[in-house]
Amino acid sequence: MNGIALSTPYRDTDTDQLSFTLGYPACEALAVRDLTIGGIDVQLRLLGASHQVFAGPVRETVACLPGVEGGLPDSAAREFHGWQYSFSARVQDFTAPEFSAQVERIRSRSDEHPLALYGVFPGSPEAVTAMTVQGQSTWLGWRTWHTYPQSRRIVATRTRLEAR
């Protein structure tokens, strides 16, 4: 099982508070999972304000950050020291039954994935931040999900890092 029951409440309370940054310093993490995939060091960092993924030359942060305006881009691309980076984000609204089914699917997928980390925040078993990663020596890809039971919204991100 890759899930952790967290005792710290989450700090972001809706999707519009999330911001996207590259190169942001390490934030205090509630849980960390260190991996090596195809010779590339990867660190999955679960925050009270969402997530950070450090992979090779990339430091991706999607979180509620002090002094950083909220709002996620639909997509972003950049080159890092011979690596091509691409990011996309999507916010979806669900009915109550659909939301519950989606959160269960995210938790199940994360439990079954060999390279995952997710946390369940106090107050609701449907308040989840989850990350999965896969790859090999020339590419890495990771997906994240941030669930908001109070608004029944889910933010899903997808990132790909490829050697040039």
N, C-alpha and C. Protein backbone atom coordinates (compact mmCIF):
# COMPACT_ATOMS: atom_id res chain seq x y z
N MET A 1 0.84 -1.18 0.00
CA MET A 1 0.00 0.00 0.00
C MET A 1 0.88 1.24 0.00
N ASN A 2 0.57 2.20 -0.85
CA ASN A 2 1.34 3.43 -0.99
C ASN A 2 0.67 4.62 -0.30
N GLY A 3 -0.47 4.38 0.36
CA GLY A 3 -1.23 5.45 0.98
C GLY A 3 -0.85 5.69 2.42
N ILE A 4 -0.98 6.94 2.82
CA ILE A 4 -0.66 7.35 4.18
C ILE A 4 -1.85 8.14 4.72
N ALA A 5 -2.32 7.78 5.91
CA ALA A 5 -3.34 8.57 6.59
C ALA A 5 -2.61 9.72 7.28
N LEU A 6 -2.93 10.93 6.89
CA LEU A 6 -2.23 12.10 7.39
C LEU A 6 -2.96 12.70 8.59
N SER A 7 -2.21 13.30 9.50
CA SER A 7 -2.83 13.95 10.65
C SER A 7 -2.87 15.46 10.47
N THR A 8 -2.20 15.97 9.47
CA THR A 8 -2.15 17.41 9.20
C THR A 8 -3.22 17.77 8.19
N PRO A 9 -4.05 18.77 8.49
CA PRO A 9 -5.06 19.17 7.50
C PRO A 9 -4.40 19.80 6.28
N TYR A 10 -5.07 19.68 5.13
CA TYR A 10 -4.54 20.31 3.93
C TYR A 10 -4.78 21.81 3.98
N ARG A 11 -3.86 22.56 3.36
CA ARG A 11 -3.94 24.02 3.40
C ARG A 11 -4.64 24.61 2.20
N ASP A 12 -4.64 23.93 1.08
CA ASP A 12 -5.36 24.44 -0.08
C ASP A 12 -6.79 23.94 0.01
N THR A 13 -7.74 24.87 -0.13
CA THR A 13 -9.13 24.48 0.07
C THR A 13 -9.94 24.46 -1.21
N ASP A 14 -9.34 24.89 -2.31
CA ASP A 14 -10.01 24.75 -3.60
C ASP A 14 -8.99 24.87 -4.71
N THR A 15 -9.40 24.46 -5.88
CA THR A 15 -8.48 24.35 -7.01
C THR A 15 -7.86 25.68 -7.42
N ASP A 16 -8.57 26.79 -7.23
CA ASP A 16 -8.03 28.09 -7.67
C ASP A 16 -6.88 28.58 -6.80
N GLN A 17 -6.62 27.92 -5.67
CA GLN A 17 -5.51 28.30 -4.82
C GLN A 17 -4.20 27.63 -5.24
N LEU A 18 -4.27 26.61 -6.09
CA LEU A 18 -3.06 25.93 -6.54
C LEU A 18 -2.30 26.79 -7.52
N SER A 19 -0.99 26.80 -7.38
CA SER A 19 -0.13 27.47 -8.35
C SER A 19 0.88 26.46 -8.86
N PHE A 20 1.50 26.79 -9.98
CA PHE A 20 2.48 25.94 -10.64
C PHE A 20 3.79 26.70 -10.69
N THR A 21 4.86 26.08 -10.19
CA THR A 21 6.18 26.69 -10.28
C THR A 21 7.22 25.62 -10.61
N LEU A 22 8.28 26.07 -11.23
CA LEU A 22 9.44 25.22 -11.49
C LEU A 22 10.63 25.84 -10.75
N GLY A 23 11.41 25.00 -10.08
CA GLY A 23 12.59 25.48 -9.38
C GLY A 23 12.34 25.99 -7.98
N TYR A 24 11.13 25.84 -7.47
CA TYR A 24 10.80 26.30 -6.13
C TYR A 24 11.58 25.45 -5.11
N PRO A 25 12.06 26.06 -4.03
CA PRO A 25 12.80 25.27 -3.02
C PRO A 25 11.92 24.20 -2.37
N ALA A 26 12.57 23.22 -1.79
CA ALA A 26 11.85 22.15 -1.09
C ALA A 26 11.00 22.73 0.03
N CYS A 27 9.75 22.35 0.07
CA CYS A 27 8.83 22.75 1.13
C CYS A 27 8.83 21.65 2.20
N GLU A 28 8.35 21.99 3.37
CA GLU A 28 8.21 20.97 4.41
C GLU A 28 7.24 19.90 3.91
N ALA A 29 7.68 18.66 3.91
CA ALA A 29 6.87 17.57 3.37
C ALA A 29 6.24 16.75 4.49
N LEU A 30 5.03 16.29 4.24
CA LEU A 30 4.33 15.38 5.16
C LEU A 30 4.80 13.94 4.94
N ALA A 31 5.19 13.64 3.69
CA ALA A 31 5.70 12.32 3.35
C ALA A 31 6.57 12.47 2.11
N VAL A 32 7.60 11.64 2.02
CA VAL A 32 8.54 11.67 0.90
C VAL A 32 8.79 10.23 0.46
N ARG A 33 8.87 10.03 -0.85
CA ARG A 33 9.26 8.73 -1.38
C ARG A 33 10.39 8.97 -2.38
N ASP A 34 11.57 8.40 -2.07
CA ASP A 34 12.74 8.50 -2.93
C ASP A 34 12.81 7.27 -3.82
N LEU A 35 13.00 7.50 -5.12
CA LEU A 35 13.05 6.42 -6.11
C LEU A 35 14.21 6.67 -7.06
N THR A 36 14.67 5.63 -7.70
CA THR A 36 15.60 5.76 -8.82
C THR A 36 14.99 4.98 -9.97
N ILE A 37 14.78 5.70 -11.09
CA ILE A 37 14.13 5.10 -12.25
C ILE A 37 15.05 5.30 -13.44
N GLY A 38 15.54 4.22 -14.01
CA GLY A 38 16.44 4.31 -15.15
C GLY A 38 17.68 5.12 -14.84
N GLY A 39 18.16 5.07 -13.61
CA GLY A 39 19.34 5.82 -13.20
C GLY A 39 19.07 7.26 -12.83
N ILE A 40 17.81 7.68 -12.86
CA ILE A 40 17.44 9.06 -12.54
C ILE A 40 16.80 9.09 -11.15
N ASP A 41 17.32 9.96 -10.30
CA ASP A 41 16.75 10.11 -8.96
C ASP A 41 15.45 10.90 -9.04
N VAL A 42 14.43 10.39 -8.36
CA VAL A 42 13.11 11.01 -8.31
C VAL A 42 12.68 11.08 -6.86
N GLN A 43 12.13 12.22 -6.48
CA GLN A 43 11.60 12.34 -5.12
C GLN A 43 10.16 12.84 -5.23
N LEU A 44 9.22 12.04 -4.73
CA LEU A 44 7.82 12.43 -4.62
C LEU A 44 7.62 13.04 -3.24
N ARG A 45 7.08 14.25 -3.19
CA ARG A 45 6.94 14.98 -1.92
C ARG A 45 5.46 15.38 -1.74
N LEU A 46 4.86 14.86 -0.71
CA LEU A 46 3.47 15.15 -0.38
C LEU A 46 3.46 16.31 0.62
N LEU A 47 2.79 17.39 0.25
CA LEU A 47 2.76 18.60 1.07
C LEU A 47 1.38 18.81 1.67
N GLY A 48 1.30 19.58 2.73
CA GLY A 48 0.01 19.99 3.26
C GLY A 48 -0.72 20.90 2.28
N ALA A 49 0.06 21.46 1.35
CA ALA A 49 -0.50 22.34 0.33
C ALA A 49 -0.41 21.72 -1.05
N SER A 50 -0.26 20.45 -1.17
CA SER A 50 -0.33 19.63 -2.38
C SER A 50 0.94 18.83 -2.66
N HIS A 51 1.73 19.13 -3.76
CA HIS A 51 2.84 18.22 -4.06
C HIS A 51 4.06 18.93 -4.65
N GLN A 52 5.18 18.23 -4.54
CA GLN A 52 6.39 18.55 -5.28
C GLN A 52 6.93 17.25 -5.86
N VAL A 53 7.48 17.33 -7.07
CA VAL A 53 8.21 16.21 -7.66
C VAL A 53 9.56 16.75 -8.10
N PHE A 54 10.61 16.15 -7.59
CA PHE A 54 11.97 16.48 -8.00
C PHE A 54 12.47 15.29 -8.82
N ALA A 55 12.81 15.56 -10.07
CA ALA A 55 13.23 14.47 -10.98
C ALA A 55 14.34 15.00 -11.88
N GLY A 56 15.53 14.42 -11.77
CA GLY A 56 16.63 14.90 -12.58
C GLY A 56 16.81 16.40 -12.35
N PRO A 57 16.78 17.22 -13.42
CA PRO A 57 16.99 18.66 -13.28
C PRO A 57 15.73 19.44 -12.90
N VAL A 58 14.59 18.77 -12.76
CA VAL A 58 13.30 19.44 -12.57
C VAL A 58 12.88 19.45 -11.10
N ARG A 59 12.38 20.61 -10.67
CA ARG A 59 11.74 20.76 -9.35
C ARG A 59 10.36 21.34 -9.61
N GLU A 60 9.37 20.46 -9.73
CA GLU A 60 8.00 20.87 -10.02
C GLU A 60 7.22 20.99 -8.72
N THR A 61 6.53 22.12 -8.56
CA THR A 61 5.67 22.32 -7.39
C THR A 61 4.29 22.73 -7.88
N VAL A 62 3.29 22.00 -7.43
CA VAL A 62 1.89 22.38 -7.62
C VAL A 62 1.32 22.44 -6.22
N ALA A 63 1.08 23.68 -5.76
CA ALA A 63 0.71 23.85 -4.35
C ALA A 63 0.15 25.24 -4.11
N CYS A 64 -0.43 25.40 -2.96
CA CYS A 64 -0.84 26.70 -2.43
C CYS A 64 0.41 27.28 -1.76
N LEU A 65 1.02 28.29 -2.37
CA LEU A 65 2.29 28.81 -1.89
C LEU A 65 2.15 30.27 -1.45
N PRO A 66 2.75 30.62 -0.32
CA PRO A 66 2.68 32.01 0.13
C PRO A 66 3.38 32.93 -0.88
N GLY A 67 2.71 34.01 -1.24
CA GLY A 67 3.30 34.98 -2.14
C GLY A 67 3.26 34.60 -3.62
N VAL A 68 2.68 33.44 -3.95
CA VAL A 68 2.57 33.02 -5.35
C VAL A 68 1.09 32.98 -5.70
N GLU A 69 0.72 33.72 -6.75
CA GLU A 69 -0.68 33.78 -7.14
C GLU A 69 -1.19 32.42 -7.58
N GLY A 70 -2.41 32.09 -7.20
CA GLY A 70 -3.02 30.82 -7.57
C GLY A 70 -3.43 30.80 -9.02
N GLY A 71 -3.66 29.60 -9.51
CA GLY A 71 -4.07 29.39 -10.89
C GLY A 71 -3.08 28.51 -11.61
N LEU A 72 -3.55 27.44 -12.20
CA LEU A 72 -2.69 26.51 -12.93
C LEU A 72 -2.79 26.77 -14.43
N PRO A 73 -1.67 26.66 -15.14
CA PRO A 73 -1.76 26.75 -16.60
C PRO A 73 -2.36 25.46 -17.16
N ASP A 74 -3.00 25.55 -18.31
CA ASP A 74 -3.46 24.34 -18.99
C ASP A 74 -2.28 23.49 -19.41
N SER A 75 -1.17 24.17 -19.81
CA SER A 75 0.04 23.46 -20.20
C SER A 75 1.25 24.37 -20.05
N ALA A 76 2.41 23.74 -19.99
CA ALA A 76 3.69 24.47 -19.91
C ALA A 76 4.76 23.56 -20.50
N ALA A 77 5.79 24.17 -21.10
CA ALA A 77 6.91 23.41 -21.65
C ALA A 77 8.18 24.20 -21.42
N ARG A 78 9.27 23.46 -21.26
CA ARG A 78 10.56 24.10 -21.00
C ARG A 78 11.68 23.10 -21.28
N GLU A 79 12.87 23.61 -21.55
CA GLU A 79 14.02 22.74 -21.72
C GLU A 79 14.94 22.92 -20.51
N PHE A 80 15.40 21.79 -19.97
CA PHE A 80 16.30 21.78 -18.82
C PHE A 80 17.53 20.96 -19.16
N HIS A 81 18.65 21.59 -19.34
CA HIS A 81 19.94 20.89 -19.48
C HIS A 81 19.83 19.60 -20.31
N GLY A 82 19.30 19.72 -21.52
CA GLY A 82 19.20 18.57 -22.40
C GLY A 82 17.95 17.72 -22.20
N TRP A 83 17.05 18.16 -21.38
CA TRP A 83 15.79 17.46 -21.15
C TRP A 83 14.64 18.37 -21.60
N GLN A 84 13.64 17.79 -22.25
CA GLN A 84 12.44 18.52 -22.63
C GLN A 84 11.35 18.19 -21.61
N TYR A 85 10.77 19.23 -21.03
CA TYR A 85 9.77 19.10 -19.97
C TYR A 85 8.43 19.58 -20.51
N SER A 86 7.37 18.82 -20.26
CA SER A 86 6.02 19.26 -20.60
C SER A 86 5.07 18.92 -19.46
N PHE A 87 4.15 19.84 -19.20
CA PHE A 87 3.22 19.75 -18.08
C PHE A 87 1.84 20.11 -18.60
N SER A 88 0.82 19.41 -18.10
CA SER A 88 -0.56 19.80 -18.38
C SER A 88 -1.40 19.58 -17.13
N ALA A 89 -2.43 20.40 -17.00
CA ALA A 89 -3.33 20.32 -15.84
C ALA A 89 -4.77 20.43 -16.32
N ARG A 90 -5.65 19.72 -15.61
CA ARG A 90 -7.07 19.73 -15.93
C ARG A 90 -7.87 19.73 -14.64
N VAL A 91 -8.87 20.57 -14.56
CA VAL A 91 -9.78 20.61 -13.41
C VAL A 91 -11.13 20.09 -13.88
N GLN A 92 -11.66 19.12 -13.13
CA GLN A 92 -12.97 18.56 -13.49
C GLN A 92 -13.92 18.66 -12.30
N ASP A 93 -15.19 18.94 -12.62
CA ASP A 93 -16.27 18.97 -11.63
C ASP A 93 -17.08 17.68 -11.76
N PHE A 94 -17.54 17.17 -10.60
CA PHE A 94 -18.28 15.91 -10.58
C PHE A 94 -19.52 16.03 -9.71
N THR A 95 -20.50 15.17 -9.98
CA THR A 95 -21.60 15.00 -9.05
C THR A 95 -21.06 14.24 -7.83
N ALA A 96 -21.80 14.20 -6.75
CA ALA A 96 -21.33 13.50 -5.55
C ALA A 96 -21.00 12.03 -5.83
N PRO A 97 -21.88 11.25 -6.48
CA PRO A 97 -21.54 9.85 -6.74
C PRO A 97 -20.33 9.70 -7.68
N GLU A 98 -20.25 10.55 -8.71
CA GLU A 98 -19.11 10.50 -9.63
C GLU A 98 -17.81 10.82 -8.91
N PHE A 99 -17.87 11.84 -8.05
CA PHE A 99 -16.66 12.23 -7.31
C PHE A 99 -16.17 11.07 -6.44
N SER A 100 -17.06 10.46 -5.69
CA SER A 100 -16.68 9.33 -4.84
C SER A 100 -16.07 8.20 -5.65
N ALA A 101 -16.65 7.90 -6.81
CA ALA A 101 -16.12 6.83 -7.66
C ALA A 101 -14.74 7.20 -8.19
N GLN A 102 -14.54 8.45 -8.58
CA GLN A 102 -13.23 8.88 -9.07
C GLN A 102 -12.17 8.81 -7.98
N VAL A 103 -12.50 9.25 -6.78
CA VAL A 103 -11.53 9.20 -5.68
C VAL A 103 -11.17 7.75 -5.38
N GLU A 104 -12.15 6.87 -5.37
CA GLU A 104 -11.86 5.44 -5.14
C GLU A 104 -10.94 4.90 -6.23
N ARG A 105 -11.17 5.29 -7.47
CA ARG A 105 -10.33 4.85 -8.59
C ARG A 105 -8.89 5.37 -8.42
N ILE A 106 -8.73 6.62 -8.01
CA ILE A 106 -7.40 7.19 -7.78
C ILE A 106 -6.69 6.44 -6.67
N ARG A 107 -7.38 6.21 -5.56
CA ARG A 107 -6.75 5.50 -4.44
C ARG A 107 -6.38 4.07 -4.82
N SER A 108 -7.26 3.39 -5.54
CA SER A 108 -7.00 2.02 -5.96
C SER A 108 -5.82 1.97 -6.93
N ARG A 109 -5.81 2.87 -7.91
CA ARG A 109 -4.71 2.92 -8.88
C ARG A 109 -3.40 3.19 -8.16
N SER A 110 -3.41 4.09 -7.20
CA SER A 110 -2.19 4.42 -6.45
C SER A 110 -1.74 3.27 -5.57
N ASP A 111 -2.67 2.55 -4.96
CA ASP A 111 -2.31 1.38 -4.15
C ASP A 111 -1.65 0.30 -5.00
N GLU A 112 -2.14 0.12 -6.22
CA GLU A 112 -1.63 -0.94 -7.09
C GLU A 112 -0.36 -0.56 -7.84
N HIS A 113 -0.07 0.72 -7.93
CA HIS A 113 1.07 1.18 -8.70
C HIS A 113 2.36 0.99 -7.90
N PRO A 114 3.40 0.42 -8.49
CA PRO A 114 4.63 0.16 -7.73
C PRO A 114 5.42 1.42 -7.38
N LEU A 115 5.17 2.52 -8.08
CA LEU A 115 5.93 3.75 -7.87
C LEU A 115 4.97 4.91 -7.59
N ALA A 116 4.33 4.86 -6.43
CA ALA A 116 3.30 5.84 -6.10
C ALA A 116 3.43 6.29 -4.65
N LEU A 117 2.79 7.41 -4.38
CA LEU A 117 2.65 7.92 -3.01
C LEU A 117 1.36 8.72 -2.98
N TYR A 118 0.55 8.48 -1.95
CA TYR A 118 -0.63 9.32 -1.79
C TYR A 118 -0.95 9.47 -0.31
N GLY A 119 -1.64 10.57 -0.02
CA GLY A 119 -2.03 10.84 1.35
C GLY A 119 -3.51 11.15 1.41
N VAL A 120 -4.13 10.72 2.52
CA VAL A 120 -5.54 11.01 2.79
C VAL A 120 -5.55 11.97 3.97
N PHE A 121 -6.12 13.14 3.75
CA PHE A 121 -6.12 14.18 4.77
C PHE A 121 -7.27 13.98 5.75
N PRO A 122 -7.10 14.45 7.00
CA PRO A 122 -8.15 14.27 8.00
C PRO A 122 -9.42 15.05 7.63
N GLY A 123 -10.52 14.55 8.07
CA GLY A 123 -11.79 15.21 7.83
C GLY A 123 -12.62 14.56 6.75
N SER A 124 -11.96 13.91 5.79
CA SER A 124 -12.70 13.23 4.73
C SER A 124 -11.80 12.18 4.06
N PRO A 125 -12.29 10.96 3.91
CA PRO A 125 -11.52 9.95 3.19
C PRO A 125 -11.39 10.28 1.70
N GLU A 126 -12.10 11.31 1.25
CA GLU A 126 -12.04 11.71 -0.15
C GLU A 126 -11.15 12.93 -0.37
N ALA A 127 -10.45 13.40 0.66
CA ALA A 127 -9.48 14.50 0.54
C ALA A 127 -8.11 13.86 0.32
N VAL A 128 -7.70 13.77 -0.93
CA VAL A 128 -6.53 12.97 -1.32
C VAL A 128 -5.60 13.78 -2.22
N THR A 129 -4.32 13.58 -2.03
CA THR A 129 -3.31 13.99 -3.02
C THR A 129 -2.54 12.72 -3.36
N ALA A 130 -2.43 12.42 -4.66
CA ALA A 130 -1.79 11.18 -5.10
C ALA A 130 -0.82 11.48 -6.24
N MET A 131 0.27 10.70 -6.28
CA MET A 131 1.29 10.82 -7.33
C MET A 131 1.72 9.43 -7.77
N THR A 132 1.88 9.25 -9.08
CA THR A 132 2.48 8.02 -9.63
C THR A 132 3.55 8.44 -10.62
N VAL A 133 4.58 7.63 -10.77
CA VAL A 133 5.67 7.93 -11.70
C VAL A 133 6.08 6.66 -12.43
N GLN A 134 6.55 6.81 -13.64
CA GLN A 134 7.09 5.69 -14.41
C GLN A 134 8.12 6.24 -15.37
N GLY A 135 8.94 5.35 -15.93
CA GLY A 135 9.91 5.80 -16.90
C GLY A 135 11.06 4.84 -17.06
N GLN A 136 12.08 5.33 -17.75
CA GLN A 136 13.31 4.59 -17.98
C GLN A 136 14.42 5.61 -18.17
N SER A 137 15.55 5.23 -18.70
CA SER A 137 16.71 6.12 -18.72
C SER A 137 16.54 7.36 -19.60
N THR A 138 15.67 7.32 -20.59
CA THR A 138 15.53 8.47 -21.49
C THR A 138 14.25 9.27 -21.28
N TRP A 139 13.38 8.83 -20.40
CA TRP A 139 12.16 9.59 -20.13
C TRP A 139 11.58 9.24 -18.76
N LEU A 140 10.86 10.19 -18.23
CA LEU A 140 10.07 9.99 -17.00
C LEU A 140 8.71 10.61 -17.23
N GLY A 141 7.70 10.03 -16.61
CA GLY A 141 6.38 10.61 -16.65
C GLY A 141 5.74 10.46 -15.29
N TRP A 142 5.03 11.49 -14.86
CA TRP A 142 4.30 11.36 -13.60
C TRP A 142 2.94 12.03 -13.73
N ARG A 143 2.04 11.49 -12.93
CA ARG A 143 0.66 11.99 -12.87
C ARG A 143 0.35 12.31 -11.42
N THR A 144 -0.46 13.33 -11.23
CA THR A 144 -0.90 13.67 -9.87
C THR A 144 -2.39 13.96 -9.89
N TRP A 145 -3.00 13.77 -8.72
CA TRP A 145 -4.42 14.07 -8.53
C TRP A 145 -4.57 14.77 -7.18
N HIS A 146 -5.36 15.82 -7.18
CA HIS A 146 -5.68 16.58 -5.98
C HIS A 146 -7.20 16.64 -5.90
N THR A 147 -7.77 16.08 -4.85
CA THR A 147 -9.23 15.99 -4.76
C THR A 147 -9.76 16.97 -3.71
N TYR A 148 -10.89 17.55 -4.01
CA TYR A 148 -11.51 18.55 -3.14
C TYR A 148 -12.97 18.16 -2.87
N PRO A 149 -13.20 17.44 -1.75
CA PRO A 149 -14.56 16.95 -1.47
C PRO A 149 -15.59 18.07 -1.29
N GLN A 150 -15.16 19.21 -0.75
CA GLN A 150 -16.12 20.29 -0.49
C GLN A 150 -16.71 20.87 -1.77
N SER A 151 -15.96 20.84 -2.88
CA SER A 151 -16.48 21.35 -4.16
C SER A 151 -16.67 20.24 -5.19
N ARG A 152 -16.26 18.99 -4.84
CA ARG A 152 -16.32 17.83 -5.73
C ARG A 152 -15.56 18.12 -7.03
N ARG A 153 -14.37 18.68 -6.87
CA ARG A 153 -13.49 18.97 -7.99
C ARG A 153 -12.21 18.15 -7.84
N ILE A 154 -11.64 17.77 -8.99
CA ILE A 154 -10.37 17.05 -9.02
C ILE A 154 -9.45 17.75 -10.00
N VAL A 155 -8.24 18.04 -9.54
CA VAL A 155 -7.19 18.55 -10.41
C VAL A 155 -6.30 17.37 -10.77
N ALA A 156 -6.15 17.13 -12.06
CA ALA A 156 -5.26 16.07 -12.54
C ALA A 156 -4.14 16.72 -13.34
N THR A 157 -2.89 16.34 -13.05
CA THR A 157 -1.77 16.85 -13.82
C THR A 157 -1.03 15.68 -14.46
N ARG A 158 -0.37 16.00 -15.56
CA ARG A 158 0.42 15.00 -16.27
C ARG A 158 1.70 15.70 -16.71
N THR A 159 2.85 15.07 -16.40
CA THR A 159 4.15 15.64 -16.72
C THR A 159 4.98 14.59 -17.45
N ARG A 160 5.76 15.07 -18.41
CA ARG A 160 6.69 14.19 -19.13
C ARG A 160 8.03 14.91 -19.24
N LEU A 161 9.09 14.18 -18.97
CA LEU A 161 10.45 14.68 -19.04
C LEU A 161 11.21 13.73 -19.96
N GLU A 162 11.71 14.24 -21.09
CA GLU A 162 12.39 13.40 -22.08
C GLU A 162 13.78 13.93 -22.37
N ALA A 163 14.73 13.01 -22.47
CA ALA A 163 16.09 13.39 -22.86
C ALA A 163 16.08 13.81 -24.32
N ARG A 164 16.83 14.86 -24.63
CA ARG A 164 16.90 15.35 -26.02
C ARG A 164 18.05 14.73 -26.75
